N, C-alpha and C. Protein backbone atom coordinates (compact mmCIF):
# COMPACT_ATOMS: atom_id res chain seq x y z
N MET A 1 138.68 71.73 94.93
CA MET A 1 137.62 72.52 94.29
C MET A 1 137.45 73.84 95.04
N ASP A 2 137.23 74.88 94.29
CA ASP A 2 137.03 76.20 94.87
C ASP A 2 135.70 76.25 95.60
N ALA A 3 135.70 76.78 96.81
CA ALA A 3 134.48 76.82 97.63
C ALA A 3 133.52 77.87 97.09
N THR A 4 132.27 77.53 97.01
CA THR A 4 131.21 78.46 96.65
C THR A 4 130.42 78.76 97.91
N ARG A 5 130.18 80.03 98.17
CA ARG A 5 129.57 80.42 99.42
C ARG A 5 128.22 81.11 99.19
N CYS A 6 127.33 80.94 100.15
CA CYS A 6 126.03 81.63 100.13
C CYS A 6 126.27 83.13 100.25
N LEU A 7 125.60 83.92 99.42
CA LEU A 7 125.80 85.37 99.46
C LEU A 7 125.21 86.02 100.70
N ARG A 8 124.26 85.39 101.34
CA ARG A 8 123.62 86.01 102.50
C ARG A 8 124.24 85.55 103.81
N CYS A 9 124.35 84.24 104.03
CA CYS A 9 124.81 83.74 105.33
C CYS A 9 126.23 83.19 105.29
N ASP A 10 126.87 83.21 104.11
CA ASP A 10 128.25 82.77 103.93
C ASP A 10 128.47 81.29 104.22
N ALA A 11 127.44 80.47 104.07
CA ALA A 11 127.57 79.01 104.25
C ALA A 11 128.31 78.42 103.06
N ASP A 12 129.08 77.37 103.30
CA ASP A 12 129.84 76.71 102.24
C ASP A 12 128.91 75.80 101.43
N LEU A 13 128.90 75.98 100.11
CA LEU A 13 128.02 75.21 99.22
C LEU A 13 128.79 74.24 98.35
N SER A 14 130.10 74.13 98.53
CA SER A 14 130.90 73.32 97.61
C SER A 14 130.55 71.84 97.64
N ALA A 15 130.06 71.32 98.77
CA ALA A 15 129.71 69.89 98.85
C ALA A 15 128.22 69.64 98.58
N SER A 16 127.46 70.68 98.34
CA SER A 16 126.01 70.55 98.13
C SER A 16 125.70 69.90 96.78
N THR A 17 124.59 69.20 96.73
CA THR A 17 124.15 68.62 95.46
C THR A 17 123.19 69.55 94.72
N PHE A 18 122.76 70.61 95.37
CA PHE A 18 121.91 71.61 94.73
C PHE A 18 122.15 72.96 95.39
N PHE A 19 121.62 74.01 94.79
CA PHE A 19 121.70 75.35 95.37
C PHE A 19 120.52 76.16 94.88
N TYR A 20 120.32 77.31 95.48
CA TYR A 20 119.27 78.24 95.06
C TYR A 20 119.94 79.46 94.45
N THR A 21 119.24 80.09 93.54
CA THR A 21 119.71 81.31 92.91
C THR A 21 118.51 82.20 92.62
N ILE A 22 118.75 83.44 92.26
CA ILE A 22 117.66 84.33 91.85
C ILE A 22 117.86 84.64 90.38
N ALA A 23 116.76 84.68 89.63
CA ALA A 23 116.82 84.84 88.18
C ALA A 23 115.93 86.00 87.73
N ARG A 24 116.47 86.73 86.75
CA ARG A 24 115.69 87.80 86.14
C ARG A 24 116.24 88.07 84.74
N ASN A 25 115.35 88.20 83.78
CA ASN A 25 115.72 88.50 82.39
C ASN A 25 116.73 87.49 81.84
N SER A 26 116.51 86.23 82.11
CA SER A 26 117.33 85.11 81.65
C SER A 26 118.75 85.11 82.21
N TYR A 27 119.00 85.86 83.27
CA TYR A 27 120.27 85.82 83.98
C TYR A 27 120.03 85.26 85.38
N VAL A 28 121.02 84.57 85.93
CA VAL A 28 120.94 84.09 87.31
C VAL A 28 122.02 84.78 88.12
N PHE A 29 121.65 85.18 89.34
CA PHE A 29 122.51 86.01 90.17
C PHE A 29 122.76 85.34 91.51
N GLY A 30 123.97 84.91 91.76
CA GLY A 30 124.40 84.47 93.07
C GLY A 30 124.01 83.07 93.46
N PHE A 31 124.76 82.54 94.43
CA PHE A 31 124.52 81.23 95.02
C PHE A 31 123.94 81.41 96.41
N PHE A 32 122.91 80.65 96.75
CA PHE A 32 122.29 80.72 98.08
C PHE A 32 122.04 79.31 98.60
N CYS A 33 122.07 79.16 99.93
CA CYS A 33 121.91 77.83 100.53
C CYS A 33 120.45 77.44 100.71
N SER A 34 119.54 78.41 100.80
CA SER A 34 118.12 78.10 100.99
C SER A 34 117.26 79.12 100.26
N ARG A 35 115.99 78.78 100.11
CA ARG A 35 115.04 79.69 99.46
C ARG A 35 114.90 80.99 100.26
N ASP A 36 114.90 80.87 101.58
CA ASP A 36 114.76 82.07 102.42
C ASP A 36 115.96 83.00 102.26
N CYS A 37 117.16 82.44 102.22
CA CYS A 37 118.35 83.27 102.01
C CYS A 37 118.26 84.01 100.69
N ALA A 38 117.80 83.34 99.66
CA ALA A 38 117.69 83.97 98.34
C ALA A 38 116.65 85.08 98.33
N GLN A 39 115.48 84.83 98.92
CA GLN A 39 114.42 85.84 98.93
C GLN A 39 114.77 87.04 99.78
N GLU A 40 115.45 86.83 100.90
CA GLU A 40 115.75 87.91 101.83
C GLU A 40 117.08 88.60 101.56
N SER A 41 117.80 88.18 100.53
CA SER A 41 119.13 88.74 100.27
C SER A 41 119.04 90.19 99.81
N GLU A 42 120.13 90.91 100.03
CA GLU A 42 120.19 92.29 99.59
C GLU A 42 120.20 92.38 98.06
N HIS A 43 120.73 91.36 97.40
CA HIS A 43 120.71 91.33 95.93
C HIS A 43 119.27 91.32 95.42
N ASN A 44 118.42 90.52 96.04
CA ASN A 44 117.03 90.43 95.60
C ASN A 44 116.25 91.69 95.94
N LYS A 45 116.70 92.45 96.91
CA LYS A 45 116.06 93.73 97.24
C LYS A 45 116.08 94.66 96.03
N TYR A 46 117.18 94.64 95.27
CA TYR A 46 117.30 95.50 94.09
C TYR A 46 116.82 94.82 92.82
N LEU A 47 116.99 93.50 92.72
CA LEU A 47 116.62 92.80 91.49
C LEU A 47 115.15 92.43 91.42
N LYS A 48 114.54 92.16 92.58
CA LYS A 48 113.15 91.69 92.63
C LYS A 48 112.98 90.51 91.66
N ALA A 49 113.78 89.49 91.87
CA ALA A 49 113.87 88.36 90.96
C ALA A 49 113.10 87.15 91.48
N THR A 50 113.09 86.10 90.68
CA THR A 50 112.44 84.84 91.01
C THR A 50 113.47 83.89 91.60
N VAL A 51 113.10 83.19 92.67
CA VAL A 51 114.00 82.23 93.30
C VAL A 51 113.89 80.89 92.59
N LEU A 52 115.03 80.31 92.22
CA LEU A 52 115.07 79.02 91.54
C LEU A 52 115.93 78.04 92.32
N ARG A 53 115.53 76.78 92.30
CA ARG A 53 116.37 75.73 92.87
C ARG A 53 117.03 74.99 91.71
N ILE A 54 118.34 74.94 91.73
CA ILE A 54 119.11 74.28 90.69
C ILE A 54 119.59 72.94 91.24
N ALA A 55 119.29 71.86 90.54
CA ALA A 55 119.55 70.51 91.04
C ALA A 55 120.90 69.96 90.60
N HIS A 56 121.91 70.81 90.55
CA HIS A 56 123.27 70.40 90.22
C HIS A 56 124.21 71.06 91.21
N PRO A 57 125.40 70.54 91.38
CA PRO A 57 126.37 71.17 92.29
C PRO A 57 126.73 72.58 91.82
N PRO A 58 126.97 73.50 92.73
CA PRO A 58 127.31 74.88 92.34
C PRO A 58 128.54 74.96 91.44
N ALA A 59 129.49 74.07 91.61
CA ALA A 59 130.72 74.13 90.82
C ALA A 59 130.44 74.00 89.32
N THR A 60 129.38 73.29 88.95
CA THR A 60 129.06 73.12 87.53
C THR A 60 128.43 74.37 86.92
N HIS A 61 128.02 75.32 87.75
CA HIS A 61 127.35 76.53 87.27
C HIS A 61 128.18 77.80 87.49
N LYS A 62 129.41 77.67 87.91
CA LYS A 62 130.22 78.85 88.24
C LYS A 62 130.29 79.86 87.09
N ASP A 63 130.38 79.40 85.86
CA ASP A 63 130.51 80.32 84.72
C ASP A 63 129.19 80.92 84.28
N LEU A 64 128.08 80.37 84.74
CA LEU A 64 126.76 80.84 84.31
C LEU A 64 126.13 81.84 85.28
N VAL A 65 126.58 81.84 86.53
CA VAL A 65 125.95 82.65 87.57
C VAL A 65 126.75 83.92 87.79
N LEU A 66 126.08 85.07 87.69
CA LEU A 66 126.71 86.37 87.93
C LEU A 66 126.62 86.71 89.41
N THR A 67 127.65 87.35 89.92
CA THR A 67 127.62 87.79 91.31
C THR A 67 128.00 89.27 91.35
N PRO A 68 127.06 90.15 91.01
CA PRO A 68 127.37 91.59 91.00
C PRO A 68 127.50 92.12 92.42
N ASP A 69 128.27 93.18 92.58
CA ASP A 69 128.34 93.74 93.92
C ASP A 69 127.14 94.66 94.16
N ILE A 70 126.87 94.90 95.41
CA ILE A 70 125.67 95.64 95.81
C ILE A 70 125.68 97.06 95.28
N ARG A 71 126.84 97.69 95.23
CA ARG A 71 126.92 99.08 94.73
C ARG A 71 126.42 99.15 93.29
N THR A 72 126.82 98.20 92.46
CA THR A 72 126.38 98.17 91.06
C THR A 72 124.87 98.00 90.97
N LEU A 73 124.32 97.07 91.77
CA LEU A 73 122.87 96.87 91.76
C LEU A 73 122.12 98.10 92.22
N LYS A 74 122.64 98.77 93.22
CA LYS A 74 122.00 99.99 93.74
C LYS A 74 122.00 101.08 92.67
N GLN A 75 123.13 101.25 91.98
CA GLN A 75 123.20 102.25 90.90
C GLN A 75 122.22 101.91 89.79
N TYR A 76 122.13 100.63 89.44
CA TYR A 76 121.19 100.19 88.40
C TYR A 76 119.75 100.51 88.81
N ALA A 77 119.40 100.22 90.06
CA ALA A 77 118.03 100.47 90.54
C ALA A 77 117.72 101.98 90.54
N GLU A 78 118.69 102.80 90.94
CA GLU A 78 118.49 104.25 90.93
C GLU A 78 118.32 104.79 89.52
N GLU A 79 119.12 104.28 88.59
CA GLU A 79 119.02 104.71 87.19
C GLU A 79 117.67 104.30 86.59
N LEU A 80 117.22 103.12 86.92
CA LEU A 80 115.92 102.65 86.43
C LEU A 80 114.80 103.54 86.96
N GLU A 81 114.89 103.94 88.21
CA GLU A 81 113.89 104.83 88.80
C GLU A 81 113.91 106.20 88.11
N ARG A 82 115.09 106.73 87.83
CA ARG A 82 115.20 108.01 87.12
C ARG A 82 114.57 107.92 85.73
N ARG A 83 114.81 106.83 85.03
CA ARG A 83 114.22 106.65 83.69
C ARG A 83 112.71 106.63 83.75
N LYS A 84 112.16 105.95 84.75
CA LYS A 84 110.70 105.91 84.89
C LYS A 84 110.13 107.28 85.14
N ILE A 85 110.82 108.08 85.96
CA ILE A 85 110.35 109.44 86.25
C ILE A 85 110.42 110.30 84.99
N ARG A 86 111.53 110.19 84.25
CA ARG A 86 111.66 110.97 83.00
C ARG A 86 110.55 110.60 82.00
N GLU A 87 110.29 109.32 81.84
CA GLU A 87 109.26 108.89 80.90
C GLU A 87 107.88 109.38 81.33
N LYS A 88 107.66 109.44 82.61
CA LYS A 88 106.36 109.86 83.12
C LYS A 88 106.11 111.34 82.91
N TYR A 89 107.14 112.17 83.09
CA TYR A 89 106.95 113.61 83.05
C TYR A 89 107.45 114.30 81.79
N PHE A 90 108.19 113.60 80.94
CA PHE A 90 108.72 114.27 79.74
C PHE A 90 108.29 113.59 78.50
């Protein structure tokens, strides 16, 4: 089985019976080993998402969980900020 790793501390989650993820707008982003890792992750810094505990092995959710890279999230956050400024002043 392909190993699934925590996005923050790089712990192996392949043998786990559950995992944590962050969710926003009906999407789930990344695999995490603990609630603290999920809340403190750099992904959550940009997403400001809700932490969820999933009671199934990570391997069963591989196709449902997105793992965007940080550069993409940063660009998305910057674009969202620009849109808010445009709406406020124009």
